[in-house]
């Protein structure tokens, strides 16, 4: 039986010691759907839907208010909320969100201004952290706009972001620290000791694969990108992050940016692939769709507990890209990663415009456990489970959205002790909600095969077949 890579265990000791984000954070953010038009009503309505639709019970616990919330500073230098957007104050919103069993997040920038040109926190770290803690804030998204030129070397960026990290810790309140400097100065090298997650590239847009002048850095330039930009495609962000999976571990995660599932622009297969890839690479999963008008397809993607179980598996690490080949109109890739209980995750990605029969040998799948076919795992047989084969039907999703008392949810997390408890356990092979459906067995020295749709993935979980001696 194989074990998780050593870097996972080493990383646990090196990560920011605030006890948070032991698995990638799950939640919802206001920005992509509302930008500066968000307010108290928008936030509370979204929070109510997160609860009533069952997202909270699946582990989506953070409701994060992005930019445009403040009205500057008072005479004492403390940030104050916009009284029109928050007539009862931010602390009141946080209290109401907490009453729903959720946690509340806020936004600022490590600059003199935020990206939307509201008051930033550079030079005000202690004051801002203190007031946020007094309001009951649980999460900070910390951006990189108007930074006074304090970037260009890892040390400059480290010092600027570490100032806020220290200020947050000094409050005594556990506040998840989400660093958002778009990959400038390689945060994957300096952020793990000061933050719970860090953005790896420019802002994601709901486009599968397209070059864009607003996202000027290619994937290799992305390792040292001076102008990360925005409107970066799913494939652009993915390919940049695929070079350093080992930098991600419990309490400290590569952040590929917020989810675009449910925001239009992506086909159903593309949305499935986007969600699967982000989960496999252990990125935080922050929804950004309009929760009050969510559709059945979006809900069935975001509530696939077999995929969430991969994201939230506390014993697993980020999947690693094993191979990549260019084909007509795109490329194909194999990602593989360890899961708890000795299981293995396999993701076959087809970014080309036509469906393909894809395969991966056990030697490739277990390459990280022994290059060149030396891994002992390839001598075993493995049952293959398709994590999307038991996707919630549109009828079931619609019944949940409509609030039907007869809606049958795939799994009752509360009855099983809560999502955290469920995700900690190795799922039973009979649990379709957590394992999908068994689609075959691959023999020793064999290969896994799957037909993968255009711009789609096959997401598979392998479980070793017990030998007679083990039965």
Foldseek 3Di string as FASTA:
>chain_A
DDAADPLQVVLVVQFAPLPPQLFFAAAAEAPPPQNQNAALVLQLVLLVLCLLLCVVLQHHAEYEYEPNFWDAADPVGATFGDCVRPVPGLLVSQVSSVVSVHAYHYEAELACAGPVGGGHCNVPLQRHLQVCVVSRHAEYEYEHPHNVPQADALVSVLVSQQSNLVSNVVNVHHHAYEYEHACANNCLVRVRHRHQEYEQAAAEDLAADDDDVQQPDALVCSNHPPRRGYHHHLVRLLSNVQPPQSSAYRSYAHASHEQCQQVDNDDLQLSLASLLQCLQSSHRYYYHHSSLDGALSSSLSSQLSQSVLSSLQSRWGHWHWQDKDADPAGIWTWTKIAGPPRKIKIKIFAQHQFKDKDKDWPQSNCCVCPNPSPHPVLQFKKWKFFSCQCGDDSVLSVCSSVSPPPRDDLDDQVVVPGNNVVSHDDDDQPRCSRGPHTDGMAHRRGMDIDIAGHSHMGIMMIDTDDDPVRD
